[in-house]
Amino acid sequence: MTREKVIEVIKKNIAENLDGISADSIDPKKSMADLGANSLDIIEVVSCTMRELNIKIPRSELSGITNIEELADRFVHHMDKGPQQ
């Protein structure tokens, strides 16, 4: 899956979990907090996206990510590693 497709999945999950936000209006250079997400919203978006992409990433590897593009890059990196166990 391409980085652009992963970003689309993340944007879809943000739109489904945050009121008043459409996927088309989301700038991937922004953080989810910039879009009004609280910590529980962020966990839900990340969890839903990982389930949809069929990957598992330790939370420690997600710390320090500052925007949606970086999150997509981390997901793509793990997808490129092959099936997760």
PDB file of N, CA and C in Angstrom:
ATOM      1  N   MET A   1       0.859  -1.180   0.000  1.00  0.00           N
ATOM      2  CA  MET A   1       0.000   0.000   0.000  1.00  0.00           C
ATOM      3  C   MET A   1       0.899   1.235   0.000  1.00  0.00           C
ATOM      4  N   THR A   2       0.513   2.214  -0.784  1.00  0.00           N
ATOM      5  CA  THR A   2       1.314   3.431  -0.885  1.00  0.00           C
ATOM      6  C   THR A   2       1.108   4.341   0.327  1.00  0.00           C
ATOM      7  N   ARG A   3       2.033   5.247   0.510  1.00  0.00           N
ATOM      8  CA  ARG A   3       1.956   6.229   1.600  1.00  0.00           C
ATOM      9  C   ARG A   3       0.664   7.051   1.468  1.00  0.00           C
ATOM     10  N   GLU A   4       0.319   7.416   0.235  1.00  0.00           N
ATOM     11  CA  GLU A   4      -0.882   8.218   0.011  1.00  0.00           C
ATOM     12  C   GLU A   4      -2.141   7.461   0.438  1.00  0.00           C
ATOM     13  N   LYS A   5      -2.188   6.163   0.152  1.00  0.00           N
ATOM     14  CA  LYS A   5      -3.341   5.348   0.562  1.00  0.00           C
ATOM     15  C   LYS A   5      -3.407   5.241   2.085  1.00  0.00           C
ATOM     16  N   VAL A   6      -2.254   5.108   2.738  1.00  0.00           N
ATOM     17  CA  VAL A   6      -2.224   5.040   4.204  1.00  0.00           C
ATOM     18  C   VAL A   6      -2.727   6.357   4.787  1.00  0.00           C
ATOM     19  N   ILE A   7      -2.305   7.474   4.205  1.00  0.00           N
ATOM     20  CA  ILE A   7      -2.791   8.779   4.671  1.00  0.00           C
ATOM     21  C   ILE A   7      -4.305   8.861   4.519  1.00  0.00           C
ATOM     22  N   GLU A   8      -4.843   8.345   3.435  1.00  0.00           N
ATOM     23  CA  GLU A   8      -6.301   8.355   3.231  1.00  0.00           C
ATOM     24  C   GLU A   8      -7.020   7.533   4.301  1.00  0.00           C
ATOM     25  N   VAL A   9      -6.444   6.388   4.674  1.00  0.00           N
ATOM     26  CA  VAL A   9      -7.043   5.560   5.729  1.00  0.00           C
ATOM     27  C   VAL A   9      -7.021   6.313   7.061  1.00  0.00           C
ATOM     28  N   ILE A  10      -5.901   6.947   7.363  1.00  0.00           N
ATOM     29  CA  ILE A  10      -5.801   7.722   8.605  1.00  0.00           C
ATOM     30  C   ILE A  10      -6.830   8.858   8.593  1.00  0.00           C
ATOM     31  N   LYS A  11      -6.909   9.580   7.491  1.00  0.00           N
ATOM     32  CA  LYS A  11      -7.862  10.700   7.388  1.00  0.00           C
ATOM     33  C   LYS A  11      -9.306  10.216   7.552  1.00  0.00           C
ATOM     34  N   LYS A  12      -9.624   9.062   6.962  1.00  0.00           N
ATOM     35  CA  LYS A  12     -10.975   8.502   7.096  1.00  0.00           C
ATOM     36  C   LYS A  12     -11.280   8.211   8.563  1.00  0.00           C
ATOM     37  N   ASN A  13     -10.313   7.621   9.269  1.00  0.00           N
ATOM     38  CA  ASN A  13     -10.524   7.291  10.676  1.00  0.00           C
ATOM     39  C   ASN A  13     -10.595   8.539  11.551  1.00  0.00           C
ATOM     40  N   ILE A  14      -9.858   9.570  11.206  1.00  0.00           N
ATOM     41  CA  ILE A  14      -9.979  10.833  11.939  1.00  0.00           C
ATOM     42  C   ILE A  14     -11.381  11.399  11.755  1.00  0.00           C
ATOM     43  N   ALA A  15     -11.852  11.430  10.515  1.00  0.00           N
ATOM     44  CA  ALA A  15     -13.180  11.977  10.230  1.00  0.00           C
ATOM     45  C   ALA A  15     -14.276  11.185  10.942  1.00  0.00           C
ATOM     46  N   GLU A  16     -14.099   9.870  11.061  1.00  0.00           N
ATOM     47  CA  GLU A  16     -15.096   9.038  11.736  1.00  0.00           C
ATOM     48  C   GLU A  16     -15.084   9.228  13.255  1.00  0.00           C
ATOM     49  N   ASN A  17     -13.957   9.663  13.804  1.00  0.00           N
ATOM     50  CA  ASN A  17     -13.829   9.770  15.256  1.00  0.00           C
ATOM     51  C   ASN A  17     -13.907  11.194  15.798  1.00  0.00           C
ATOM     52  N   LEU A  18     -13.800  12.190  14.942  1.00  0.00           N
ATOM     53  CA  LEU A  18     -13.877  13.582  15.390  1.00  0.00           C
ATOM     54  C   LEU A  18     -15.087  14.252  14.758  1.00  0.00           C
ATOM     55  N   ASP A  19     -15.895  14.869  15.582  1.00  0.00           N
ATOM     56  CA  ASP A  19     -17.084  15.555  15.078  1.00  0.00           C
ATOM     57  C   ASP A  19     -16.696  16.790  14.273  1.00  0.00           C
ATOM     58  N   GLY A  20     -17.423  17.002  13.189  1.00  0.00           N
ATOM     59  CA  GLY A  20     -17.277  18.230  12.425  1.00  0.00           C
ATOM     60  C   GLY A  20     -16.066  18.295  11.518  1.00  0.00           C
ATOM     61  N   ILE A  21     -15.414  17.167  11.288  1.00  0.00           N
ATOM     62  CA  ILE A  21     -14.239  17.151  10.413  1.00  0.00           C
ATOM     63  C   ILE A  21     -14.490  16.170   9.276  1.00  0.00           C
ATOM     64  N   SER A  22     -14.250  16.643   8.053  1.00  0.00           N
ATOM     65  CA  SER A  22     -14.359  15.748   6.901  1.00  0.00           C
ATOM     66  C   SER A  22     -12.954  15.341   6.474  1.00  0.00           C
ATOM     67  N   ALA A  23     -12.849  14.159   5.914  1.00  0.00           N
ATOM     68  CA  ALA A  23     -11.540  13.643   5.497  1.00  0.00           C
ATOM     69  C   ALA A  23     -10.878  14.583   4.497  1.00  0.00           C
ATOM     70  N   ASP A  24     -11.678  15.188   3.625  1.00  0.00           N
ATOM     71  CA  ASP A  24     -11.128  16.079   2.597  1.00  0.00           C
ATOM     72  C   ASP A  24     -10.505  17.341   3.179  1.00  0.00           C
ATOM     73  N   SER A  25     -10.931  17.736   4.367  1.00  0.00           N
ATOM     74  CA  SER A  25     -10.430  18.985   4.946  1.00  0.00           C
ATOM     75  C   SER A  25      -9.169  18.796   5.792  1.00  0.00           C
ATOM     76  N   ILE A  26      -8.701  17.565   5.931  1.00  0.00           N
ATOM     77  CA  ILE A  26      -7.574  17.280   6.819  1.00  0.00           C
ATOM     78  C   ILE A  26      -6.249  17.486   6.091  1.00  0.00           C
ATOM     79  N   ASP A  27      -5.396  18.315   6.688  1.00  0.00           N
ATOM     80  CA  ASP A  27      -4.051  18.561   6.174  1.00  0.00           C
ATOM     81  C   ASP A  27      -3.096  17.587   6.867  1.00  0.00           C
ATOM     82  N   PRO A  28      -2.469  16.667   6.118  1.00  0.00           N
ATOM     83  CA  PRO A  28      -1.605  15.667   6.740  1.00  0.00           C
ATOM     84  C   PRO A  28      -0.357  16.248   7.401  1.00  0.00           C
ATOM     85  N   LYS A  29      -0.067  17.506   7.155  1.00  0.00           N
ATOM     86  CA  LYS A  29       1.085  18.145   7.802  1.00  0.00           C
ATOM     87  C   LYS A  29       0.758  18.563   9.237  1.00  0.00           C
ATOM     88  N   LYS A  30      -0.526  18.483   9.589  1.00  0.00           N
ATOM     89  CA  LYS A  30      -0.954  18.851  10.936  1.00  0.00           C
ATOM     90  C   LYS A  30      -1.016  17.619  11.831  1.00  0.00           C
ATOM     91  N   SER A  31      -0.992  17.879  13.119  1.00  0.00           N
ATOM     92  CA  SER A  31      -1.159  16.787  14.082  1.00  0.00           C
ATOM     93  C   SER A  31      -2.645  16.584  14.334  1.00  0.00           C
ATOM     94  N   MET A  32      -2.980  15.445  14.917  1.00  0.00           N
ATOM     95  CA  MET A  32      -4.380  15.217  15.275  1.00  0.00           C
ATOM     96  C   MET A  32      -4.816  16.190  16.358  1.00  0.00           C
ATOM     97  N   ALA A  33      -3.898  16.563  17.239  1.00  0.00           N
ATOM     98  CA  ALA A  33      -4.225  17.555  18.274  1.00  0.00           C
ATOM     99  C   ALA A  33      -4.574  18.894  17.638  1.00  0.00           C
ATOM    100  N   ASP A  34      -3.887  19.255  16.556  1.00  0.00           N
ATOM    101  CA  ASP A  34      -4.214  20.490  15.833  1.00  0.00           C
ATOM    102  C   ASP A  34      -5.650  20.461  15.317  1.00  0.00           C
ATOM    103  N   LEU A  35      -6.147  19.266  15.052  1.00  0.00           N
ATOM    104  CA  LEU A  35      -7.508  19.106  14.531  1.00  0.00           C
ATOM    105  C   LEU A  35      -8.549  19.016  15.642  1.00  0.00           C
ATOM    106  N   GLY A  36      -8.095  19.084  16.894  1.00  0.00           N
ATOM    107  CA  GLY A  36      -9.010  19.061  18.025  1.00  0.00           C
ATOM    108  C   GLY A  36      -9.136  17.717  18.717  1.00  0.00           C
ATOM    109  N   ALA A  37      -8.282  16.757  18.351  1.00  0.00           N
ATOM    110  CA  ALA A  37      -8.357  15.428  18.960  1.00  0.00           C
ATOM    111  C   ALA A  37      -7.722  15.442  20.351  1.00  0.00           C
ATOM    112  N   ASN A  38      -8.390  14.761  21.280  1.00  0.00           N
ATOM    113  CA  ASN A  38      -7.773  14.564  22.593  1.00  0.00           C
ATOM    114  C   ASN A  38      -7.020  13.231  22.580  1.00  0.00           C
ATOM    115  N   SER A  39      -6.391  12.890  23.686  1.00  0.00           N
ATOM    116  CA  SER A  39      -5.557  11.687  23.712  1.00  0.00           C
ATOM    117  C   SER A  39      -6.352  10.411  23.427  1.00  0.00           C
ATOM    118  N   LEU A  40      -7.598  10.345  23.911  1.00  0.00           N
ATOM    119  CA  LEU A  40      -8.416   9.160  23.640  1.00  0.00           C
ATOM    120  C   LEU A  40      -8.800   9.067  22.166  1.00  0.00           C
ATOM    121  N   ASP A  41      -9.088  10.221  21.557  1.00  0.00           N
ATOM    122  CA  ASP A  41      -9.390  10.244  20.117  1.00  0.00           C
ATOM    123  C   ASP A  41      -8.194   9.731  19.318  1.00  0.00           C
ATOM    124  N   ILE A  42      -7.009  10.189  19.689  1.00  0.00           N
ATOM    125  CA  ILE A  42      -5.798   9.798  18.972  1.00  0.00           C
ATOM    126  C   ILE A  42      -5.574   8.290  19.090  1.00  0.00           C
ATOM    127  N   ILE A  43      -5.743   7.753  20.288  1.00  0.00           N
ATOM    128  CA  ILE A  43      -5.589   6.306  20.490  1.00  0.00           C
ATOM    129  C   ILE A  43      -6.582   5.540  19.625  1.00  0.00           C
ATOM    130  N   GLU A  44      -7.819   6.012  19.572  1.00  0.00           N
ATOM    131  CA  GLU A  44      -8.844   5.338  18.769  1.00  0.00           C
ATOM    132  C   GLU A  44      -8.507   5.385  17.283  1.00  0.00           C
ATOM    133  N   VAL A  45      -8.070   6.538  16.793  1.00  0.00           N
ATOM    134  CA  VAL A  45      -7.710   6.664  15.377  1.00  0.00           C
ATOM    135  C   VAL A  45      -6.541   5.739  15.043  1.00  0.00           C
ATOM    136  N   VAL A  46      -5.518   5.745  15.886  1.00  0.00           N
ATOM    137  CA  VAL A  46      -4.344   4.898  15.646  1.00  0.00           C
ATOM    138  C   VAL A  46      -4.743   3.420  15.696  1.00  0.00           C
ATOM    139  N   SER A  47      -5.541   3.039  16.687  1.00  0.00           N
ATOM    140  CA  SER A  47      -5.973   1.642  16.817  1.00  0.00           C
ATOM    141  C   SER A  47      -6.801   1.197  15.617  1.00  0.00           C
ATOM    142  N   CYS A  48      -7.759   2.015  15.213  1.00  0.00           N
ATOM    143  CA  CYS A  48      -8.604   1.681  14.057  1.00  0.00           C
ATOM    144  C   CYS A  48      -7.765   1.554  12.788  1.00  0.00           C
ATOM    145  N   THR A  49      -6.827   2.455  12.625  1.00  0.00           N
ATOM    146  CA  THR A  49      -5.990   2.437  11.434  1.00  0.00           C
ATOM    147  C   THR A  49      -5.096   1.207  11.414  1.00  0.00           C
ATOM    148  N   MET A  50      -4.514   0.860  12.556  1.00  0.00           N
ATOM    149  CA  MET A  50      -3.667  -0.336  12.600  1.00  0.00           C
ATOM    150  C   MET A  50      -4.486  -1.595  12.305  1.00  0.00           C
ATOM    151  N   ARG A  51      -5.707  -1.663  12.844  1.00  0.00           N
ATOM    152  CA  ARG A  51      -6.570  -2.822  12.551  1.00  0.00           C
ATOM    153  C   ARG A  51      -6.859  -2.895  11.049  1.00  0.00           C
ATOM    154  N   GLU A  52      -7.192  -1.764  10.467  1.00  0.00           N
ATOM    155  CA  GLU A  52      -7.535  -1.737   9.047  1.00  0.00           C
ATOM    156  C   GLU A  52      -6.335  -2.113   8.176  1.00  0.00           C
ATOM    157  N   LEU A  53      -5.138  -1.700   8.588  1.00  0.00           N
ATOM    158  CA  LEU A  53      -3.931  -1.999   7.819  1.00  0.00           C
ATOM    159  C   LEU A  53      -3.314  -3.342   8.196  1.00  0.00           C
ATOM    160  N   ASN A  54      -3.879  -3.972   9.225  1.00  0.00           N
ATOM    161  CA  ASN A  54      -3.403  -5.268   9.712  1.00  0.00           C
ATOM    162  C   ASN A  54      -1.937  -5.218  10.151  1.00  0.00           C
ATOM    163  N   ILE A  55      -1.624  -4.205  10.966  1.00  0.00           N
ATOM    164  CA  ILE A  55      -0.284  -4.077  11.524  1.00  0.00           C
ATOM    165  C   ILE A  55      -0.390  -3.837  13.029  1.00  0.00           C
ATOM    166  N   LYS A  56       0.705  -4.127  13.727  1.00  0.00           N
ATOM    167  CA  LYS A  56       0.809  -3.827  15.155  1.00  0.00           C
ATOM    168  C   LYS A  56       2.132  -3.112  15.368  1.00  0.00           C
ATOM    169  N   ILE A  57       2.057  -1.975  16.034  1.00  0.00           N
ATOM    170  CA  ILE A  57       3.251  -1.195  16.320  1.00  0.00           C
ATOM    171  C   ILE A  57       3.261  -0.900  17.813  1.00  0.00           C
ATOM    172  N   PRO A  58       4.360  -1.189  18.494  1.00  0.00           N
ATOM    173  CA  PRO A  58       4.427  -0.862  19.913  1.00  0.00           C
ATOM    174  C   PRO A  58       4.246   0.641  20.135  1.00  0.00           C
ATOM    175  N   ARG A  59       3.538   0.981  21.189  1.00  0.00           N
ATOM    176  CA  ARG A  59       3.292   2.398  21.480  1.00  0.00           C
ATOM    177  C   ARG A  59       4.581   3.192  21.595  1.00  0.00           C
ATOM    178  N   SER A  60       5.624   2.551  22.107  1.00  0.00           N
ATOM    179  CA  SER A  60       6.907   3.250  22.263  1.00  0.00           C
ATOM    180  C   SER A  60       7.444   3.744  20.920  1.00  0.00           C
ATOM    181  N   GLU A  61       7.114   3.045  19.840  1.00  0.00           N
ATOM    182  CA  GLU A  61       7.566   3.456  18.509  1.00  0.00           C
ATOM    183  C   GLU A  61       6.732   4.598  17.944  1.00  0.00           C
ATOM    184  N   LEU A  62       5.625   4.895  18.577  1.00  0.00           N
ATOM    185  CA  LEU A  62       4.752   5.961  18.088  1.00  0.00           C
ATOM    186  C   LEU A  62       5.005   7.283  18.800  1.00  0.00           C
ATOM    187  N   SER A  63       5.769   7.244  19.886  1.00  0.00           N
ATOM    188  CA  SER A  63       6.046   8.491  20.598  1.00  0.00           C
ATOM    189  C   SER A  63       6.970   9.346  19.744  1.00  0.00           C
ATOM    190  N   GLY A  64       6.783  10.633  19.830  1.00  0.00           N
ATOM    191  CA  GLY A  64       7.615  11.550  19.068  1.00  0.00           C
ATOM    192  C   GLY A  64       7.077  11.876  17.688  1.00  0.00           C
ATOM    193  N   ILE A  65       6.020  11.201  17.266  1.00  0.00           N
ATOM    194  CA  ILE A  65       5.412  11.518  15.973  1.00  0.00           C
ATOM    195  C   ILE A  65       4.650  12.827  16.125  1.00  0.00           C
ATOM    196  N   THR A  66       4.898  13.765  15.211  1.00  0.00           N
ATOM    197  CA  THR A  66       4.318  15.097  15.373  1.00  0.00           C
ATOM    198  C   THR A  66       3.188  15.424  14.408  1.00  0.00           C
ATOM    199  N   ASN A  67       3.019  14.627  13.349  1.00  0.00           N
ATOM    200  CA  ASN A  67       1.917  14.924  12.431  1.00  0.00           C
ATOM    201  C   ASN A  67       1.443  13.656  11.721  1.00  0.00           C
ATOM    202  N   ILE A  68       0.410  13.818  10.931  1.00  0.00           N
ATOM    203  CA  ILE A  68      -0.224  12.687  10.250  1.00  0.00           C
ATOM    204  C   ILE A  68       0.723  12.052   9.233  1.00  0.00           C
ATOM    205  N   GLU A  69       1.520  12.871   8.541  1.00  0.00           N
ATOM    206  CA  GLU A  69       2.470  12.325   7.569  1.00  0.00           C
ATOM    207  C   GLU A  69       3.488  11.405   8.239  1.00  0.00           C
ATOM    208  N   GLU A  70       3.995  11.809   9.402  1.00  0.00           N
ATOM    209  CA  GLU A  70       4.961  10.970  10.116  1.00  0.00           C
ATOM    210  C   GLU A  70       4.316   9.665  10.575  1.00  0.00           C
ATOM    211  N   LEU A  71       3.065   9.741  10.997  1.00  0.00           N
ATOM    212  CA  LEU A  71       2.348   8.534  11.394  1.00  0.00           C
ATOM    213  C   LEU A  71       2.206   7.594  10.197  1.00  0.00           C
ATOM    214  N   ALA A  72       1.845   8.148   9.054  1.00  0.00           N
ATOM    215  CA  ALA A  72       1.719   7.340   7.832  1.00  0.00           C
ATOM    216  C   ALA A  72       3.056   6.697   7.474  1.00  0.00           C
ATOM    217  N   ASP A  73       4.138   7.458   7.592  1.00  0.00           N
ATOM    218  CA  ASP A  73       5.466   6.910   7.285  1.00  0.00           C
ATOM    219  C   ASP A  73       5.794   5.731   8.196  1.00  0.00           C
ATOM    220  N   ARG A  74       5.454   5.847   9.483  1.00  0.00           N
ATOM    221  CA  ARG A  74       5.728   4.767  10.435  1.00  0.00           C
ATOM    222  C   ARG A  74       4.898   3.538  10.070  1.00  0.00           C
ATOM    223  N   PHE A  75       3.627   3.747   9.704  1.00  0.00           N
ATOM    224  CA  PHE A  75       2.778   2.622   9.311  1.00  0.00           C
ATOM    225  C   PHE A  75       3.330   1.943   8.059  1.00  0.00           C
ATOM    226  N   VAL A  76       3.724   2.726   7.066  1.00  0.00           N
ATOM    227  CA  VAL A  76       4.270   2.162   5.822  1.00  0.00           C
ATOM    228  C   VAL A  76       5.542   1.377   6.118  1.00  0.00           C
ATOM    229  N   HIS A  77       6.381   1.919   6.981  1.00  0.00           N
ATOM    230  CA  HIS A  77       7.617   1.226   7.358  1.00  0.00           C
ATOM    231  C   HIS A  77       7.302  -0.165   7.921  1.00  0.00           C
ATOM    232  N   HIS A  78       6.299  -0.254   8.782  1.00  0.00           N
ATOM    233  CA  HIS A  78       5.942  -1.545   9.374  1.00  0.00           C
ATOM    234  C   HIS A  78       5.258  -2.465   8.366  1.00  0.00           C
ATOM    235  N   MET A  79       4.509  -1.891   7.448  1.00  0.00           N
ATOM    236  CA  MET A  79       3.874  -2.709   6.416  1.00  0.00           C
ATOM    237  C   MET A  79       4.931  -3.308   5.494  1.00  0.00           C
ATOM    238  N   ASP A  80       5.995  -2.541   5.233  1.00  0.00           N
ATOM    239  CA  ASP A  80       7.073  -3.019   4.366  1.00  0.00           C
ATOM    240  C   ASP A  80       7.860  -4.150   4.999  1.00  0.00           C
ATOM    241  N   LYS A  81       7.791  -4.269   6.338  1.00  0.00           N
ATOM    242  CA  LYS A  81       8.496  -5.335   7.041  1.00  0.00           C
ATOM    243  C   LYS A  81       7.838  -6.695   6.830  1.00  0.00           C
ATOM    244  N   GLY A  82       6.604  -6.699   6.359  1.00  0.00           N
ATOM    245  CA  GLY A  82       5.887  -7.957   6.159  1.00  0.00           C
ATOM    246  C   GLY A  82       4.856  -8.186   7.231  1.00  0.00           C
ATOM    247  N   PRO A  83       4.180  -9.333   7.214  1.00  0.00           N
ATOM    248  CA  PRO A  83       3.110  -9.630   8.157  1.00  0.00           C
ATOM    249  C   PRO A  83       3.594  -9.573   9.601  1.00  0.00           C
ATOM    250  N   GLN A  84       2.754  -9.012  10.446  1.00  0.00           N
ATOM    251  CA  GLN A  84       3.079  -8.905  11.869  1.00  0.00           C
ATOM    252  C   GLN A  84       2.543 -10.133  12.604  1.00  0.00           C
ATOM    253  N   GLN A  85       3.188 -10.470  13.694  1.00  0.00           N
ATOM    254  CA  GLN A  85       2.768 -11.634  14.443  1.00  0.00           C
ATOM    255  C   GLN A  85       2.127 -11.263  15.736  1.00  0.00           C
TER     256      GLN A  85
END
